[in-house]
């Protein structure tokens, strides 16, 4: 849930910065922003990738964990998830409860 709070906030911050600098919402007037704000494209592009849950971002890890918890079994390649899966812990807990 941390990513759900931080990533959209970063995207809204990027839009707010653009509006504050140019005082318009028309995209055609945003030309030349890279010369005045050199780090802005990097921040906005990385925030957009994180919003799409691209592999390697915190949103991707949270999406995979929520899917595994919802379906009850690991989904995907263990190489992508770094071998971390909550499924064995829940399987052990349910085996203990069955006794």
PDB file of N, CA and C in Angstrom:
ATOM      1  N   UNK A   1       0.811  -1.193   0.000  1.00  0.00           N
ATOM      2  CA  UNK A   1       0.000   0.000   0.000  1.00  0.00           C
ATOM      3  C   UNK A   1       0.858   1.261   0.000  1.00  0.00           C
ATOM      4  N   UNK A   2       2.107   1.109   0.356  1.00  0.00           N
ATOM      5  CA  UNK A   2       3.000   2.265   0.346  1.00  0.00           C
ATOM      6  C   UNK A   2       3.166   2.807  -1.072  1.00  0.00           C
ATOM      7  N   UNK A   3       3.339   1.911  -2.019  1.00  0.00           N
ATOM      8  CA  UNK A   3       3.479   2.350  -3.406  1.00  0.00           C
ATOM      9  C   UNK A   3       2.211   3.007  -3.911  1.00  0.00           C
ATOM     10  N   UNK A   4       1.069   2.501  -3.469  1.00  0.00           N
ATOM     11  CA  UNK A   4      -0.204   3.069  -3.903  1.00  0.00           C
ATOM     12  C   UNK A   4      -0.340   4.516  -3.438  1.00  0.00           C
ATOM     13  N   UNK A   5       0.315   4.868  -2.354  1.00  0.00           N
ATOM     14  CA  UNK A   5       0.276   6.247  -1.878  1.00  0.00           C
ATOM     15  C   UNK A   5       1.345   7.130  -2.483  1.00  0.00           C
ATOM     16  N   UNK A   6       2.529   6.571  -2.740  1.00  0.00           N
ATOM     17  CA  UNK A   6       3.649   7.390  -3.201  1.00  0.00           C
ATOM     18  C   UNK A   6       3.670   7.628  -4.712  1.00  0.00           C
ATOM     19  N   UNK A   7       3.392   6.602  -5.486  1.00  0.00           N
ATOM     20  CA  UNK A   7       3.508   6.735  -6.944  1.00  0.00           C
ATOM     21  C   UNK A   7       2.476   7.709  -7.524  1.00  0.00           C
ATOM     22  N   UNK A   8       1.182   7.571  -7.221  1.00  0.00           N
ATOM     23  CA  UNK A   8       0.249   8.575  -7.748  1.00  0.00           C
ATOM     24  C   UNK A   8       0.526   9.981  -7.213  1.00  0.00           C
ATOM     25  N   UNK A   9       1.020  10.067  -5.996  1.00  0.00           N
ATOM     26  CA  UNK A   9       1.371  11.390  -5.459  1.00  0.00           C
ATOM     27  C   UNK A   9       2.491  12.022  -6.268  1.00  0.00           C
ATOM     28  N   UNK A  10       3.469  11.215  -6.668  1.00  0.00           N
ATOM     29  CA  UNK A  10       4.563  11.733  -7.501  1.00  0.00           C
ATOM     30  C   UNK A  10       4.046  12.182  -8.861  1.00  0.00           C
ATOM     31  N   UNK A  11       3.109  11.444  -9.438  1.00  0.00           N
ATOM     32  CA  UNK A  11       2.542  11.845 -10.725  1.00  0.00           C
ATOM     33  C   UNK A  11       1.745  13.145 -10.612  1.00  0.00           C
ATOM     34  N   UNK A  12       0.953  13.276  -9.554  1.00  0.00           N
ATOM     35  CA  UNK A  12       0.220  14.525  -9.351  1.00  0.00           C
ATOM     36  C   UNK A  12       1.165  15.686  -9.086  1.00  0.00           C
ATOM     37  N   UNK A  13       2.272  15.428  -8.403  1.00  0.00           N
ATOM     38  CA  UNK A  13       3.277  16.464  -8.175  1.00  0.00           C
ATOM     39  C   UNK A  13       3.881  16.918  -9.498  1.00  0.00           C
ATOM     40  N   UNK A  14       4.161  15.967 -10.386  1.00  0.00           N
ATOM     41  CA  UNK A  14       4.716  16.318 -11.705  1.00  0.00           C
ATOM     42  C   UNK A  14       3.745  17.194 -12.494  1.00  0.00           C
ATOM     43  N   UNK A  15       2.472  16.842 -12.483  1.00  0.00           N
ATOM     44  CA  UNK A  15       1.475  17.654 -13.184  1.00  0.00           C
ATOM     45  C   UNK A  15       1.370  19.034 -12.549  1.00  0.00           C
ATOM     46  N   UNK A  16       1.427  19.096 -11.234  1.00  0.00           N
ATOM     47  CA  UNK A  16       1.370  20.381 -10.542  1.00  0.00           C
ATOM     48  C   UNK A  16       2.560  21.266 -10.855  1.00  0.00           C
ATOM     49  N   UNK A  17       3.739  20.657 -10.965  1.00  0.00           N
ATOM     50  CA  UNK A  17       4.942  21.424 -11.316  1.00  0.00           C
ATOM     51  C   UNK A  17       4.812  21.994 -12.729  1.00  0.00           C
ATOM     52  N   UNK A  18       4.333  21.164 -13.660  1.00  0.00           N
ATOM     53  CA  UNK A  18       4.152  21.655 -15.033  1.00  0.00           C
ATOM     54  C   UNK A  18       3.155  22.803 -15.079  1.00  0.00           C
ATOM     55  N   UNK A  19       2.042  22.660 -14.394  1.00  0.00           N
ATOM     56  CA  UNK A  19       1.040  23.723 -14.398  1.00  0.00           C
ATOM     57  C   UNK A  19       1.564  24.985 -13.721  1.00  0.00           C
ATOM     58  N   UNK A  20       2.333  24.822 -12.653  1.00  0.00           N
ATOM     59  CA  UNK A  20       2.875  25.975 -11.945  1.00  0.00           C
ATOM     60  C   UNK A  20       3.896  26.726 -12.795  1.00  0.00           C
ATOM     61  N   UNK A  21       4.674  25.992 -13.566  1.00  0.00           N
ATOM     62  CA  UNK A  21       5.687  26.630 -14.414  1.00  0.00           C
ATOM     63  C   UNK A  21       5.095  27.339 -15.627  1.00  0.00           C
ATOM     64  N   UNK A  22       4.086  26.704 -16.252  1.00  0.00           N
ATOM     65  CA  UNK A  22       3.594  27.211 -17.534  1.00  0.00           C
ATOM     66  C   UNK A  22       2.229  27.891 -17.446  1.00  0.00           C
ATOM     67  N   UNK A  23       1.523  27.726 -16.350  1.00  0.00           N
ATOM     68  CA  UNK A  23       0.205  28.343 -16.134  1.00  0.00           C
ATOM     69  C   UNK A  23      -0.809  27.986 -17.219  1.00  0.00           C
ATOM     70  N   UNK A  24      -0.663  26.810 -17.799  1.00  0.00           N
ATOM     71  CA  UNK A  24      -1.614  26.316 -18.790  1.00  0.00           C
ATOM     72  C   UNK A  24      -1.613  24.796 -18.762  1.00  0.00           C
ATOM     73  N   UNK A  25      -2.711  24.218 -19.248  1.00  0.00           N
ATOM     74  CA  UNK A  25      -2.792  22.760 -19.328  1.00  0.00           C
ATOM     75  C   UNK A  25      -2.623  22.269 -20.758  1.00  0.00           C
ATOM     76  N   UNK A  26      -2.330  23.139 -21.684  1.00  0.00           N
ATOM     77  CA  UNK A  26      -2.142  22.752 -23.079  1.00  0.00           C
ATOM     78  C   UNK A  26      -0.730  22.200 -23.276  1.00  0.00           C
ATOM     79  N   UNK A  27      -0.658  20.981 -23.775  1.00  0.00           N
ATOM     80  CA  UNK A  27       0.623  20.283 -23.896  1.00  0.00           C
ATOM     81  C   UNK A  27       1.550  20.975 -24.892  1.00  0.00           C
ATOM     82  N   UNK A  28       1.002  21.621 -25.885  1.00  0.00           N
ATOM     83  CA  UNK A  28       1.861  22.234 -26.909  1.00  0.00           C
ATOM     84  C   UNK A  28       2.748  23.351 -26.353  1.00  0.00           C
ATOM     85  N   UNK A  29       2.416  23.898 -25.190  1.00  0.00           N
ATOM     86  CA  UNK A  29       3.224  24.953 -24.585  1.00  0.00           C
ATOM     87  C   UNK A  29       4.304  24.414 -23.649  1.00  0.00           C
ATOM     88  N   UNK A  30       4.386  23.104 -23.488  1.00  0.00           N
ATOM     89  CA  UNK A  30       5.370  22.511 -22.584  1.00  0.00           C
ATOM     90  C   UNK A  30       6.717  22.276 -23.251  1.00  0.00           C
ATOM     91  N   UNK A  31       6.896  22.678 -24.470  1.00  0.00           N
ATOM     92  CA  UNK A  31       8.164  22.495 -25.165  1.00  0.00           C
ATOM     93  C   UNK A  31       9.286  23.265 -24.480  1.00  0.00           C
ATOM     94  N   UNK A  32      10.471  22.660 -24.424  1.00  0.00           N
ATOM     95  CA  UNK A  32      11.616  23.287 -23.800  1.00  0.00           C
ATOM     96  C   UNK A  32      11.684  23.096 -22.298  1.00  0.00           C
ATOM     97  N   UNK A  33      10.839  22.264 -21.750  1.00  0.00           N
ATOM     98  CA  UNK A  33      10.854  22.038 -20.299  1.00  0.00           C
ATOM     99  C   UNK A  33      12.117  21.329 -19.851  1.00  0.00           C
ATOM    100  N   UNK A  34      12.727  20.552 -20.741  1.00  0.00           N
ATOM    101  CA  UNK A  34      13.931  19.808 -20.376  1.00  0.00           C
ATOM    102  C   UNK A  34      15.098  20.759 -20.116  1.00  0.00           C
ATOM    103  N   UNK A  35      15.140  21.872 -20.825  1.00  0.00           N
ATOM    104  CA  UNK A  35      16.244  22.813 -20.612  1.00  0.00           C
ATOM    105  C   UNK A  35      16.115  23.557 -19.284  1.00  0.00           C
ATOM    106  N   UNK A  36      14.891  23.792 -18.834  1.00  0.00           N
ATOM    107  CA  UNK A  36      14.719  24.500 -17.559  1.00  0.00           C
ATOM    108  C   UNK A  36      14.624  23.546 -16.368  1.00  0.00           C
ATOM    109  N   UNK A  37      14.151  22.313 -16.610  1.00  0.00           N
ATOM    110  CA  UNK A  37      14.022  21.310 -15.545  1.00  0.00           C
ATOM    111  C   UNK A  37      14.665  20.007 -16.023  1.00  0.00           C
ATOM    112  N   UNK A  38      15.982  19.868 -15.916  1.00  0.00           N
ATOM    113  CA  UNK A  38      16.660  18.708 -16.511  1.00  0.00           C
ATOM    114  C   UNK A  38      16.318  17.366 -15.861  1.00  0.00           C
ATOM    115  N   UNK A  39      15.964  17.327 -14.588  1.00  0.00           N
ATOM    116  CA  UNK A  39      15.641  16.060 -13.917  1.00  0.00           C
ATOM    117  C   UNK A  39      14.167  15.690 -13.991  1.00  0.00           C
ATOM    118  N   UNK A  40      13.356  16.595 -14.458  1.00  0.00           N
ATOM    119  CA  UNK A  40      11.917  16.368 -14.482  1.00  0.00           C
ATOM    120  C   UNK A  40      11.501  15.181 -15.361  1.00  0.00           C
ATOM    121  N   UNK A  41      12.020  15.030 -16.575  1.00  0.00           N
ATOM    122  CA  UNK A  41      11.608  13.872 -17.383  1.00  0.00           C
ATOM    123  C   UNK A  41      11.964  12.533 -16.737  1.00  0.00           C
ATOM    124  N   UNK A  42      13.089  12.470 -16.055  1.00  0.00           N
ATOM    125  CA  UNK A  42      13.484  11.235 -15.384  1.00  0.00           C
ATOM    126  C   UNK A  42      12.513  10.891 -14.265  1.00  0.00           C
ATOM    127  N   UNK A  43      12.145  11.866 -13.476  1.00  0.00           N
ATOM    128  CA  UNK A  43      11.223  11.630 -12.363  1.00  0.00           C
ATOM    129  C   UNK A  43       9.838  11.248 -12.874  1.00  0.00           C
ATOM    130  N   UNK A  44       9.354  11.966 -13.872  1.00  0.00           N
ATOM    131  CA  UNK A  44       8.008  11.665 -14.371  1.00  0.00           C
ATOM    132  C   UNK A  44       7.966  10.323 -15.095  1.00  0.00           C
ATOM    133  N   UNK A  45       9.019   9.980 -15.840  1.00  0.00           N
ATOM    134  CA  UNK A  45       9.032   8.698 -16.554  1.00  0.00           C
ATOM    135  C   UNK A  45       9.154   7.525 -15.587  1.00  0.00           C
ATOM    136  N   UNK A  46       9.997   7.656 -14.568  1.00  0.00           N
ATOM    137  CA  UNK A  46      10.121   6.567 -13.591  1.00  0.00           C
ATOM    138  C   UNK A  46       8.834   6.418 -12.777  1.00  0.00           C
ATOM    139  N   UNK A  47       8.154   7.515 -12.488  1.00  0.00           N
ATOM    140  CA  UNK A  47       6.874   7.434 -11.788  1.00  0.00           C
ATOM    141  C   UNK A  47       5.814   6.773 -12.661  1.00  0.00           C
ATOM    142  N   UNK A  48       5.845   7.062 -13.958  1.00  0.00           N
ATOM    143  CA  UNK A  48       4.898   6.430 -14.872  1.00  0.00           C
ATOM    144  C   UNK A  48       5.155   4.935 -14.975  1.00  0.00           C
ATOM    145  N   UNK A  49       6.423   4.533 -15.045  1.00  0.00           N
ATOM    146  CA  UNK A  49       6.741   3.108 -15.079  1.00  0.00           C
ATOM    147  C   UNK A  49       6.313   2.410 -13.797  1.00  0.00           C
ATOM    148  N   UNK A  50       6.509   3.057 -12.658  1.00  0.00           N
ATOM    149  CA  UNK A  50       6.085   2.467 -11.392  1.00  0.00           C
ATOM    150  C   UNK A  50       4.568   2.376 -11.313  1.00  0.00           C
ATOM    151  N   UNK A  51       3.869   3.336 -11.903  1.00  0.00           N
ATOM    152  CA  UNK A  51       2.414   3.308 -11.902  1.00  0.00           C
ATOM    153  C   UNK A  51       1.882   2.152 -12.752  1.00  0.00           C
ATOM    154  N   UNK A  52       2.629   1.761 -13.781  1.00  0.00           N
ATOM    155  CA  UNK A  52       2.233   0.635 -14.634  1.00  0.00           C
ATOM    156  C   UNK A  52       2.689  -0.701 -14.069  1.00  0.00           C
ATOM    157  N   UNK A  53       3.264  -0.711 -12.887  1.00  0.00           N
ATOM    158  CA  UNK A  53       3.775  -1.922 -12.222  1.00  0.00           C
ATOM    159  C   UNK A  53       4.826  -2.630 -13.058  1.00  0.00           C
ATOM    160  N   UNK A  54       5.735  -1.879 -13.622  1.00  0.00           N
ATOM    161  CA  UNK A  54       6.827  -2.480 -14.385  1.00  0.00           C
ATOM    162  C   UNK A  54       7.722  -3.293 -13.448  1.00  0.00           C
ATOM    163  N   UNK A  55       8.325  -4.379 -13.951  1.00  0.00           N
ATOM    164  CA  UNK A  55       9.203  -5.186 -13.091  1.00  0.00           C
ATOM    165  C   UNK A  55      10.343  -4.349 -12.508  1.00  0.00           C
ATOM    166  N   UNK A  56      10.637  -4.607 -11.254  1.00  0.00           N
ATOM    167  CA  UNK A  56      11.703  -3.885 -10.576  1.00  0.00           C
ATOM    168  C   UNK A  56      11.222  -2.706  -9.767  1.00  0.00           C
ATOM    169  N   UNK A  57       9.963  -2.339  -9.895  1.00  0.00           N
ATOM    170  CA  UNK A  57       9.437  -1.228  -9.107  1.00  0.00           C
ATOM    171  C   UNK A  57       8.676  -1.776  -7.909  1.00  0.00           C
ATOM    172  N   UNK A  58       8.440  -0.917  -6.945  1.00  0.00           N
ATOM    173  CA  UNK A  58       7.746  -1.359  -5.732  1.00  0.00           C
ATOM    174  C   UNK A  58       6.306  -1.753  -6.026  1.00  0.00           C
ATOM    175  N   UNK A  59       5.687  -1.147  -7.006  1.00  0.00           N
ATOM    176  CA  UNK A  59       4.314  -1.506  -7.358  1.00  0.00           C
ATOM    177  C   UNK A  59       4.232  -2.927  -7.880  1.00  0.00           C
ATOM    178  N   UNK A  60       5.260  -3.358  -8.583  1.00  0.00           N
ATOM    179  CA  UNK A  60       5.283  -4.719  -9.125  1.00  0.00           C
ATOM    180  C   UNK A  60       5.320  -5.737  -8.002  1.00  0.00           C
ATOM    181  N   UNK A  61       6.138  -5.487  -6.991  1.00  0.00           N
ATOM    182  CA  UNK A  61       6.235  -6.408  -5.861  1.00  0.00           C
ATOM    183  C   UNK A  61       4.908  -6.480  -5.106  1.00  0.00           C
ATOM    184  N   UNK A  62       4.264  -5.344  -4.896  1.00  0.00           N
ATOM    185  CA  UNK A  62       2.994  -5.339  -4.182  1.00  0.00           C
ATOM    186  C   UNK A  62       1.897  -6.032  -4.979  1.00  0.00           C
ATOM    187  N   UNK A  63       1.882  -5.838  -6.294  1.00  0.00           N
ATOM    188  CA  UNK A  63       0.879  -6.487  -7.128  1.00  0.00           C
ATOM    189  C   UNK A  63       1.057  -7.996  -7.090  1.00  0.00           C
ATOM    190  N   UNK A  64       2.302  -8.455  -7.168  1.00  0.00           N
ATOM    191  CA  UNK A  64       2.568  -9.890  -7.143  1.00  0.00           C
ATOM    192  C   UNK A  64       2.188 -10.484  -5.784  1.00  0.00           C
ATOM    193  N   UNK A  65       2.513  -9.796  -4.712  1.00  0.00           N
ATOM    194  CA  UNK A  65       2.176 -10.289  -3.382  1.00  0.00           C
ATOM    195  C   UNK A  65       0.666 -10.357  -3.191  1.00  0.00           C
ATOM    196  N   UNK A  66      -0.060  -9.336  -3.640  1.00  0.00           N
ATOM    197  CA  UNK A  66      -1.520  -9.338  -3.512  1.00  0.00           C
ATOM    198  C   UNK A  66      -2.137 -10.452  -4.346  1.00  0.00           C
ATOM    199  N   UNK A  67      -1.579 -10.727  -5.515  1.00  0.00           N
ATOM    200  CA  UNK A  67      -2.095 -11.808  -6.352  1.00  0.00           C
ATOM    201  C   UNK A  67      -1.854 -13.158  -5.686  1.00  0.00           C
ATOM    202  N   UNK A  68      -0.672 -13.339  -5.110  1.00  0.00           N
ATOM    203  CA  UNK A  68      -0.369 -14.604  -4.448  1.00  0.00           C
ATOM    204  C   UNK A  68      -1.262 -14.808  -3.228  1.00  0.00           C
ATOM    205  N   UNK A  69      -1.491 -13.754  -2.471  1.00  0.00           N
ATOM    206  CA  UNK A  69      -2.337 -13.889  -1.295  1.00  0.00           C
ATOM    207  C   UNK A  69      -3.796 -14.117  -1.686  1.00  0.00           C
ATOM    208  N   UNK A  70      -4.227 -13.496  -2.766  1.00  0.00           N
ATOM    209  CA  UNK A  70      -5.611 -13.647  -3.197  1.00  0.00           C
ATOM    210  C   UNK A  70      -5.919 -15.019  -3.758  1.00  0.00           C
ATOM    211  N   UNK A  71      -5.022 -15.540  -4.583  1.00  0.00           N
ATOM    212  CA  UNK A  71      -5.261 -16.841  -5.199  1.00  0.00           C
ATOM    213  C   UNK A  71      -4.780 -18.002  -4.338  1.00  0.00           C
ATOM    214  N   UNK A  72      -3.878 -17.747  -3.411  1.00  0.00           N
ATOM    215  CA  UNK A  72      -3.422 -18.778  -2.499  1.00  0.00           C
ATOM    216  C   UNK A  72      -2.282 -19.631  -3.014  1.00  0.00           C
ATOM    217  N   UNK A  73      -1.682 -19.274  -4.126  1.00  0.00           N
ATOM    218  CA  UNK A  73      -0.521 -20.011  -4.616  1.00  0.00           C
ATOM    219  C   UNK A  73       0.389 -19.047  -5.366  1.00  0.00           C
ATOM    220  N   UNK A  74       1.688 -19.354  -5.417  1.00  0.00           N
ATOM    221  CA  UNK A  74       2.618 -18.431  -6.077  1.00  0.00           C
ATOM    222  C   UNK A  74       2.367 -18.369  -7.575  1.00  0.00           C
ATOM    223  N   UNK A  75       2.427 -17.185  -8.105  1.00  0.00           N
ATOM    224  CA  UNK A  75       2.210 -16.962  -9.529  1.00  0.00           C
ATOM    225  C   UNK A  75       3.473 -16.337 -10.103  1.00  0.00           C
ATOM    226  N   UNK A  76       3.910 -16.815 -11.232  1.00  0.00           N
ATOM    227  CA  UNK A  76       5.038 -16.210 -11.921  1.00  0.00           C
ATOM    228  C   UNK A  76       6.343 -16.927 -11.661  1.00  0.00           C
ATOM    229  N   UNK A  77       7.377 -16.348 -12.157  1.00  0.00           N
ATOM    230  CA  UNK A  77       8.709 -16.919 -12.089  1.00  0.00           C
ATOM    231  C   UNK A  77       9.369 -16.527 -10.769  1.00  0.00           C
ATOM    232  N   UNK A  78       9.959 -17.492 -10.034  1.00  0.00           N
ATOM    233  CA  UNK A  78      10.623 -17.133  -8.769  1.00  0.00           C
ATOM    234  C   UNK A  78      11.816 -16.212  -8.972  1.00  0.00           C
ATOM    235  N   UNK A  79      12.396 -16.200 -10.183  1.00  0.00           N
ATOM    236  CA  UNK A  79      13.518 -15.307 -10.447  1.00  0.00           C
ATOM    237  C   UNK A  79      13.064 -13.853 -10.387  1.00  0.00           C
ATOM    238  N   UNK A  80      11.857 -13.586 -10.850  1.00  0.00           N
ATOM    239  CA  UNK A  80      11.339 -12.220 -10.844  1.00  0.00           C
ATOM    240  C   UNK A  80      11.022 -11.780  -9.417  1.00  0.00           C
ATOM    241  N   UNK A  81      10.486 -12.692  -8.620  1.00  0.00           N
ATOM    242  CA  UNK A  81      10.099 -12.337  -7.250  1.00  0.00           C
ATOM    243  C   UNK A  81      11.235 -12.513  -6.253  1.00  0.00           C
ATOM    244  N   UNK A  82      12.426 -12.824  -6.726  1.00  0.00           N
ATOM    245  CA  UNK A  82      13.595 -13.037  -5.871  1.00  0.00           C
ATOM    246  C   UNK A  82      13.393 -14.202  -4.916  1.00  0.00           C
ATOM    247  N   UNK A  83      12.552 -15.148  -5.293  1.00  0.00           N
ATOM    248  CA  UNK A  83      12.327 -16.324  -4.463  1.00  0.00           C
ATOM    249  C   UNK A  83      11.506 -16.062  -3.227  1.00  0.00           C
ATOM    250  N   UNK A  84      10.876 -14.897  -3.134  1.00  0.00           N
ATOM    251  CA  UNK A  84      10.093 -14.568  -1.954  1.00  0.00           C
ATOM    252  C   UNK A  84       8.627 -14.859  -2.248  1.00  0.00           C
ATOM    253  N   UNK A  85       8.049 -15.749  -1.504  1.00  0.00           N
ATOM    254  CA  UNK A  85       6.644 -16.075  -1.669  1.00  0.00           C
ATOM    255  C   UNK A  85       6.046 -16.325  -0.294  1.00  0.00           C
ATOM    256  N   UNK A  86       4.898 -15.759   0.003  1.00  0.00           N
ATOM    257  CA  UNK A  86       4.288 -15.970   1.313  1.00  0.00           C
ATOM    258  C   UNK A  86       3.593 -17.328   1.427  1.00  0.00           C
ATOM    259  N   UNK A  87       3.464 -18.040   0.313  1.00  0.00           N
ATOM    260  CA  UNK A  87       2.693 -19.275   0.313  1.00  0.00           C
ATOM    261  C   UNK A  87       3.199 -20.329   1.298  1.00  0.00           C
ATOM    262  N   UNK A  88       4.498 -20.602   1.408  1.00  0.00           N
ATOM    263  CA  UNK A  88       4.918 -21.636   2.363  1.00  0.00           C
ATOM    264  C   UNK A  88       4.544 -21.314   3.799  1.00  0.00           C
ATOM    265  N   UNK A  89       4.558 -20.054   4.178  1.00  0.00           N
ATOM    266  CA  UNK A  89       4.211 -19.678   5.541  1.00  0.00           C
ATOM    267  C   UNK A  89       2.741 -19.952   5.827  1.00  0.00           C
ATOM    268  N   UNK A  90       1.882 -19.647   4.865  1.00  0.00           N
ATOM    269  CA  UNK A  90       0.458 -19.894   5.052  1.00  0.00           C
ATOM    270  C   UNK A  90       0.144 -21.384   5.007  1.00  0.00           C
ATOM    271  N   UNK A  91       0.890 -22.133   4.211  1.00  0.00           N
ATOM    272  CA  UNK A  91       0.679 -23.577   4.150  1.00  0.00           C
ATOM    273  C   UNK A  91       1.054 -24.210   5.493  1.00  0.00           C
ATOM    274  N   UNK A  92       2.131 -23.743   6.107  1.00  0.00           N
ATOM    275  CA  UNK A  92       2.540 -24.277   7.410  1.00  0.00           C
ATOM    276  C   UNK A  92       1.514 -23.904   8.478  1.00  0.00           C
ATOM    277  N   UNK A  93       0.997 -22.687   8.422  1.00  0.00           N
ATOM    278  CA  UNK A  93       0.032 -22.256   9.417  1.00  0.00           C
ATOM    279  C   UNK A  93      -1.262 -23.051   9.299  1.00  0.00           C
ATOM    280  N   UNK A  94      -1.712 -23.327   8.072  1.00  0.00           N
ATOM    281  CA  UNK A  94      -2.959 -24.082   7.905  1.00  0.00           C
ATOM    282  C   UNK A  94      -2.760 -25.534   8.304  1.00  0.00           C
ATOM    283  N   UNK A  95      -1.559 -26.094   8.137  1.00  0.00           N
ATOM    284  CA  UNK A  95      -1.281 -27.479   8.556  1.00  0.00           C
ATOM    285  C   UNK A  95      -1.316 -27.572  10.080  1.00  0.00           C
ATOM    286  N   UNK A  96      -0.799 -26.524  10.756  1.00  0.00           N
ATOM    287  CA  UNK A  96      -0.821 -26.523  12.216  1.00  0.00           C
ATOM    288  C   UNK A  96      -2.247 -26.398  12.737  1.00  0.00           C
ATOM    289  N   UNK A  97      -3.083 -25.638  12.056  1.00  0.00           N
ATOM    290  CA  UNK A  97      -4.469 -25.451  12.495  1.00  0.00           C
ATOM    291  C   UNK A  97      -5.288 -26.728  12.284  1.00  0.00           C
ATOM    292  N   UNK A  98      -4.911 -27.543  11.296  1.00  0.00           N
ATOM    293  CA  UNK A  98      -5.666 -28.751  10.994  1.00  0.00           C
ATOM    294  C   UNK A  98      -5.443 -29.830  12.065  1.00  0.00           C
ATOM    295  N   UNK A  99      -4.321 -29.756  12.789  1.00  0.00           N
ATOM    296  CA  UNK A  99      -4.012 -30.788  13.795  1.00  0.00           C
ATOM    297  C   UNK A  99      -4.888 -30.698  15.000  1.00  0.00           C
TER     298      UNK A  99
END
